[in-house]
Amino acid sequence: MQYALLAYGSQGVREVTQPIADAIADVLARPYVTGWVRLHADESATTVRNPGGRTLLTDGPFIESKEYLGGLIMIEVANLDEALAIAEELQQTRAVGAIEVRPIVEASIHGA
């Protein structure tokens, strides 16, 4: 089963140009990691909405928070317990504040 590990950091730790910590790099190199990305700071975001049928662009994140989404790691493991164990290992590196674990919906496109 595929899972997304959403890595959150505190507002004080935003420098994406810093090298990835060795402990995290070790996990990212494992075979069950199918992809990962680091995100720029939340101020670089643009939110796109469509109220009343017209496009509305808003600079920055939509909500203010003490934590921000810093990256996304995709893994493929047998079950939720394995996904949670990987998230716990990453969290113990103290390089991320919190990790949200979500199953990935297998997409299919019909009628194309």
N, C-alpha and C. Protein backbone atom coordinates (compact mmCIF):
# COMPACT_ATOMS: atom_id res chain seq x y z
N MET A 1 0.84 -1.18 0.00
CA MET A 1 0.00 0.00 0.00
C MET A 1 0.88 1.23 0.00
N GLN A 2 0.43 2.28 -0.69
CA GLN A 2 1.19 3.51 -0.75
C GLN A 2 0.69 4.51 0.29
N TYR A 3 1.65 5.21 0.88
CA TYR A 3 1.34 6.23 1.88
C TYR A 3 2.13 7.49 1.56
N ALA A 4 1.56 8.64 1.92
CA ALA A 4 2.26 9.91 1.86
C ALA A 4 2.61 10.31 3.28
N LEU A 5 3.86 10.64 3.50
CA LEU A 5 4.31 11.16 4.79
C LEU A 5 4.49 12.66 4.60
N LEU A 6 3.63 13.44 5.21
CA LEU A 6 3.68 14.90 5.10
C LEU A 6 4.51 15.43 6.26
N ALA A 7 5.67 15.97 5.95
CA ALA A 7 6.61 16.42 6.97
C ALA A 7 6.40 17.90 7.27
N TYR A 8 6.11 18.21 8.51
CA TYR A 8 5.89 19.58 8.95
C TYR A 8 7.06 20.05 9.78
N GLY A 9 7.38 21.34 9.65
CA GLY A 9 8.44 21.95 10.44
C GLY A 9 7.93 23.19 11.12
N SER A 10 8.71 23.68 12.07
CA SER A 10 8.31 24.91 12.76
C SER A 10 8.63 26.11 11.89
N GLN A 11 7.98 27.22 12.16
CA GLN A 11 8.19 28.43 11.37
C GLN A 11 9.64 28.91 11.46
N GLY A 12 10.33 28.59 12.54
CA GLY A 12 11.71 29.06 12.71
C GLY A 12 12.72 28.29 11.87
N VAL A 13 12.37 27.12 11.37
CA VAL A 13 13.30 26.29 10.60
C VAL A 13 12.78 26.21 9.18
N ARG A 14 13.27 27.10 8.29
CA ARG A 14 12.71 27.18 6.95
C ARG A 14 13.75 27.07 5.85
N GLU A 15 14.98 27.05 6.15
CA GLU A 15 16.01 27.15 5.12
C GLU A 15 16.12 25.87 4.32
N VAL A 16 15.56 25.86 3.10
CA VAL A 16 15.57 24.66 2.28
C VAL A 16 16.91 24.45 1.59
N THR A 17 17.80 25.43 1.67
CA THR A 17 19.11 25.25 1.05
C THR A 17 20.06 24.47 1.94
N GLN A 18 19.68 24.24 3.19
CA GLN A 18 20.51 23.44 4.08
C GLN A 18 20.51 22.00 3.60
N PRO A 19 21.64 21.31 3.75
CA PRO A 19 21.66 19.90 3.35
C PRO A 19 20.69 19.08 4.19
N ILE A 20 20.21 18.00 3.60
CA ILE A 20 19.32 17.10 4.33
C ILE A 20 20.15 16.36 5.37
N ALA A 21 19.62 16.25 6.57
CA ALA A 21 20.33 15.56 7.66
C ALA A 21 20.64 14.12 7.24
N ASP A 22 21.80 13.61 7.66
CA ASP A 22 22.22 12.26 7.29
C ASP A 22 21.18 11.21 7.65
N ALA A 23 20.58 11.34 8.84
CA ALA A 23 19.61 10.33 9.28
C ALA A 23 18.40 10.29 8.35
N ILE A 24 17.96 11.46 7.86
CA ILE A 24 16.84 11.50 6.93
C ILE A 24 17.28 10.99 5.56
N ALA A 25 18.47 11.39 5.13
CA ALA A 25 18.97 10.94 3.83
C ALA A 25 19.05 9.41 3.78
N ASP A 26 19.44 8.79 4.90
CA ASP A 26 19.50 7.32 4.96
C ASP A 26 18.13 6.70 4.71
N VAL A 27 17.09 7.27 5.32
CA VAL A 27 15.73 6.76 5.14
C VAL A 27 15.26 6.99 3.70
N LEU A 28 15.54 8.17 3.14
CA LEU A 28 15.09 8.49 1.79
C LEU A 28 15.73 7.59 0.73
N ALA A 29 16.87 7.00 1.05
CA ALA A 29 17.57 6.13 0.10
C ALA A 29 17.06 4.68 0.14
N ARG A 30 16.15 4.37 1.04
CA ARG A 30 15.67 2.99 1.16
C ARG A 30 14.71 2.63 0.03
N PRO A 31 14.62 1.32 -0.29
CA PRO A 31 13.82 0.91 -1.46
C PRO A 31 12.32 1.19 -1.34
N TYR A 32 11.77 1.29 -0.15
CA TYR A 32 10.33 1.54 -0.02
C TYR A 32 9.96 2.99 -0.27
N VAL A 33 10.94 3.89 -0.37
CA VAL A 33 10.66 5.29 -0.68
C VAL A 33 10.53 5.40 -2.20
N THR A 34 9.34 5.77 -2.68
CA THR A 34 9.09 5.84 -4.12
C THR A 34 9.24 7.25 -4.67
N GLY A 35 9.36 8.24 -3.81
CA GLY A 35 9.58 9.61 -4.23
C GLY A 35 9.52 10.56 -3.05
N TRP A 36 10.13 11.71 -3.20
CA TRP A 36 10.06 12.71 -2.14
C TRP A 36 10.40 14.08 -2.73
N VAL A 37 9.89 15.11 -2.08
CA VAL A 37 10.17 16.49 -2.47
C VAL A 37 10.29 17.36 -1.22
N ARG A 38 11.12 18.39 -1.33
CA ARG A 38 11.19 19.43 -0.31
C ARG A 38 10.48 20.65 -0.88
N LEU A 39 9.79 21.37 -0.03
CA LEU A 39 9.04 22.54 -0.47
C LEU A 39 9.70 23.82 0.02
N HIS A 40 9.60 24.88 -0.77
CA HIS A 40 10.06 26.19 -0.32
C HIS A 40 9.15 26.66 0.81
N ALA A 41 9.56 27.73 1.47
CA ALA A 41 8.81 28.27 2.60
C ALA A 41 7.37 28.61 2.20
N ASP A 42 6.48 28.60 3.16
CA ASP A 42 5.06 28.82 2.88
C ASP A 42 4.77 30.17 2.23
N GLU A 43 5.62 31.17 2.44
CA GLU A 43 5.40 32.48 1.81
C GLU A 43 5.51 32.41 0.29
N SER A 44 6.15 31.36 -0.24
CA SER A 44 6.30 31.25 -1.69
C SER A 44 5.05 30.67 -2.36
N ALA A 45 4.07 30.27 -1.57
CA ALA A 45 2.86 29.64 -2.11
C ALA A 45 1.92 30.66 -2.74
N THR A 46 1.15 30.19 -3.69
CA THR A 46 0.02 30.94 -4.24
C THR A 46 -1.18 30.01 -4.18
N THR A 47 -2.27 30.47 -3.57
CA THR A 47 -3.48 29.68 -3.45
C THR A 47 -4.44 30.06 -4.57
N VAL A 48 -4.97 29.06 -5.26
CA VAL A 48 -5.90 29.27 -6.37
C VAL A 48 -7.28 28.79 -5.93
N ARG A 49 -8.27 29.66 -6.03
CA ARG A 49 -9.66 29.32 -5.69
C ARG A 49 -10.55 29.76 -6.85
N ASN A 50 -11.79 29.27 -6.81
CA ASN A 50 -12.73 29.61 -7.87
C ASN A 50 -14.10 29.98 -7.28
N PRO A 51 -14.16 31.06 -6.50
CA PRO A 51 -15.46 31.45 -5.92
C PRO A 51 -16.36 32.06 -6.99
N GLY A 52 -17.57 31.57 -7.05
CA GLY A 52 -18.54 32.12 -8.00
C GLY A 52 -18.13 31.99 -9.45
N GLY A 53 -17.29 31.03 -9.77
CA GLY A 53 -16.90 30.80 -11.15
C GLY A 53 -15.79 31.69 -11.68
N ARG A 54 -15.15 32.48 -10.83
CA ARG A 54 -14.03 33.29 -11.29
C ARG A 54 -12.78 32.93 -10.49
N THR A 55 -11.65 32.94 -11.16
CA THR A 55 -10.40 32.55 -10.53
C THR A 55 -9.91 33.64 -9.60
N LEU A 56 -9.53 33.24 -8.39
CA LEU A 56 -8.99 34.15 -7.39
C LEU A 56 -7.62 33.62 -6.95
N LEU A 57 -6.58 34.43 -7.10
CA LEU A 57 -5.23 34.07 -6.68
C LEU A 57 -4.89 34.83 -5.40
N THR A 58 -4.35 34.12 -4.42
CA THR A 58 -3.95 34.72 -3.16
C THR A 58 -2.49 34.39 -2.90
N ASP A 59 -1.67 35.41 -2.65
CA ASP A 59 -0.27 35.16 -2.33
C ASP A 59 -0.14 34.53 -0.95
N GLY A 60 0.79 33.61 -0.84
CA GLY A 60 1.09 32.99 0.44
C GLY A 60 0.11 31.88 0.79
N PRO A 61 0.30 31.31 1.97
CA PRO A 61 -0.59 30.21 2.38
C PRO A 61 -1.98 30.73 2.71
N PHE A 62 -2.95 29.87 2.64
CA PHE A 62 -4.32 30.27 2.93
C PHE A 62 -4.54 30.47 4.41
N ILE A 63 -3.90 29.65 5.24
CA ILE A 63 -4.07 29.78 6.68
C ILE A 63 -2.73 30.08 7.34
N GLU A 64 -2.78 30.69 8.49
CA GLU A 64 -1.56 30.91 9.26
C GLU A 64 -1.43 29.79 10.27
N SER A 65 -0.21 29.35 10.47
CA SER A 65 0.03 28.21 11.35
C SER A 65 1.41 28.33 11.96
N LYS A 66 1.60 27.66 13.09
CA LYS A 66 2.92 27.64 13.71
C LYS A 66 3.82 26.62 13.02
N GLU A 67 3.20 25.71 12.28
CA GLU A 67 3.97 24.73 11.52
C GLU A 67 3.62 24.88 10.04
N TYR A 68 4.53 24.47 9.18
CA TYR A 68 4.30 24.55 7.75
C TYR A 68 4.66 23.22 7.12
N LEU A 69 4.06 22.94 5.97
CA LEU A 69 4.37 21.72 5.24
C LEU A 69 5.71 21.92 4.56
N GLY A 70 6.70 21.14 4.96
CA GLY A 70 8.06 21.30 4.44
C GLY A 70 8.43 20.30 3.37
N GLY A 71 7.70 19.19 3.31
CA GLY A 71 8.04 18.19 2.32
C GLY A 71 7.05 17.05 2.31
N LEU A 72 7.19 16.20 1.30
CA LEU A 72 6.31 15.07 1.10
C LEU A 72 7.16 13.87 0.72
N ILE A 73 6.96 12.76 1.41
CA ILE A 73 7.69 11.53 1.13
C ILE A 73 6.66 10.46 0.79
N MET A 74 6.82 9.82 -0.35
CA MET A 74 5.91 8.75 -0.74
C MET A 74 6.61 7.41 -0.49
N ILE A 75 5.88 6.51 0.17
CA ILE A 75 6.45 5.20 0.48
C ILE A 75 5.47 4.11 0.04
N GLU A 76 5.99 2.91 -0.15
CA GLU A 76 5.15 1.76 -0.44
C GLU A 76 5.55 0.65 0.52
N VAL A 77 4.62 0.32 1.41
CA VAL A 77 4.85 -0.69 2.45
C VAL A 77 3.62 -1.59 2.55
N ALA A 78 3.72 -2.63 3.38
CA ALA A 78 2.64 -3.61 3.47
C ALA A 78 1.39 -3.08 4.18
N ASN A 79 1.58 -2.20 5.19
CA ASN A 79 0.42 -1.79 5.98
C ASN A 79 0.70 -0.49 6.74
N LEU A 80 -0.32 0.00 7.42
CA LEU A 80 -0.21 1.24 8.17
C LEU A 80 0.84 1.15 9.28
N ASP A 81 0.94 0.01 9.93
CA ASP A 81 1.93 -0.14 11.01
C ASP A 81 3.35 0.13 10.50
N GLU A 82 3.67 -0.39 9.31
CA GLU A 82 5.00 -0.15 8.74
C GLU A 82 5.18 1.33 8.40
N ALA A 83 4.14 1.96 7.87
CA ALA A 83 4.21 3.38 7.53
C ALA A 83 4.43 4.21 8.80
N LEU A 84 3.73 3.86 9.87
CA LEU A 84 3.88 4.59 11.13
C LEU A 84 5.27 4.40 11.72
N ALA A 85 5.84 3.23 11.58
CA ALA A 85 7.20 2.97 12.08
C ALA A 85 8.22 3.84 11.34
N ILE A 86 8.04 3.99 10.03
CA ILE A 86 8.94 4.84 9.24
C ILE A 86 8.77 6.30 9.66
N ALA A 87 7.54 6.73 9.84
CA ALA A 87 7.28 8.10 10.28
C ALA A 87 7.91 8.36 11.64
N GLU A 88 7.80 7.39 12.54
CA GLU A 88 8.41 7.55 13.86
C GLU A 88 9.92 7.66 13.77
N GLU A 89 10.53 6.85 12.91
CA GLU A 89 11.98 6.92 12.72
C GLU A 89 12.40 8.29 12.20
N LEU A 90 11.66 8.81 11.22
CA LEU A 90 11.96 10.14 10.69
C LEU A 90 11.78 11.21 11.76
N GLN A 91 10.71 11.11 12.52
CA GLN A 91 10.42 12.11 13.54
C GLN A 91 11.50 12.12 14.62
N GLN A 92 12.07 10.96 14.92
CA GLN A 92 13.09 10.89 15.96
C GLN A 92 14.41 11.54 15.55
N THR A 93 14.58 11.84 14.27
CA THR A 93 15.78 12.56 13.84
C THR A 93 15.76 14.00 14.32
N ARG A 94 14.59 14.47 14.74
CA ARG A 94 14.37 15.84 15.22
C ARG A 94 14.59 16.88 14.12
N ALA A 95 14.66 16.44 12.87
CA ALA A 95 14.79 17.38 11.76
C ALA A 95 13.42 17.87 11.28
N VAL A 96 12.37 17.19 11.71
CA VAL A 96 11.00 17.59 11.37
C VAL A 96 10.20 17.67 12.65
N GLY A 97 9.18 18.51 12.63
CA GLY A 97 8.36 18.68 13.83
C GLY A 97 7.32 17.59 13.98
N ALA A 98 6.56 17.35 12.92
CA ALA A 98 5.50 16.35 12.95
C ALA A 98 5.42 15.71 11.58
N ILE A 99 4.92 14.49 11.55
CA ILE A 99 4.72 13.79 10.29
C ILE A 99 3.30 13.25 10.26
N GLU A 100 2.56 13.67 9.24
CA GLU A 100 1.20 13.18 9.04
C GLU A 100 1.28 12.03 8.04
N VAL A 101 0.65 10.92 8.37
CA VAL A 101 0.67 9.73 7.51
C VAL A 101 -0.71 9.58 6.89
N ARG A 102 -0.76 9.53 5.54
CA ARG A 102 -2.04 9.37 4.85
C ARG A 102 -1.90 8.31 3.77
N PRO A 103 -2.90 7.41 3.66
CA PRO A 103 -2.88 6.49 2.54
C PRO A 103 -3.14 7.23 1.24
N ILE A 104 -2.53 6.75 0.17
CA ILE A 104 -2.69 7.36 -1.15
C ILE A 104 -3.79 6.61 -1.90
N VAL A 105 -4.71 7.35 -2.47
CA VAL A 105 -5.79 6.76 -3.26
C VAL A 105 -5.20 6.40 -4.63
N GLU A 106 -5.39 5.15 -5.02
CA GLU A 106 -4.92 4.75 -6.33
C GLU A 106 -5.87 5.32 -7.37
N ALA A 107 -5.34 6.18 -8.21
CA ALA A 107 -6.17 6.90 -9.18
C ALA A 107 -6.33 6.10 -10.47
N SER A 108 -7.49 6.25 -11.05
CA SER A 108 -7.71 5.72 -12.40
C SER A 108 -8.48 6.77 -13.17
N ILE A 109 -8.14 6.91 -14.43
CA ILE A 109 -8.81 7.90 -15.28
C ILE A 109 -9.67 7.12 -16.27
N HIS A 110 -10.94 7.45 -16.29
CA HIS A 110 -11.88 6.77 -17.19
C HIS A 110 -12.41 7.74 -18.23
N GLY A 111 -12.80 7.23 -19.35
CA GLY A 111 -13.46 8.02 -20.38
C GLY A 111 -12.54 8.92 -21.18
N ALA A 112 -11.23 8.68 -21.11
CA ALA A 112 -10.30 9.55 -21.86
C ALA A 112 -10.20 9.12 -23.30
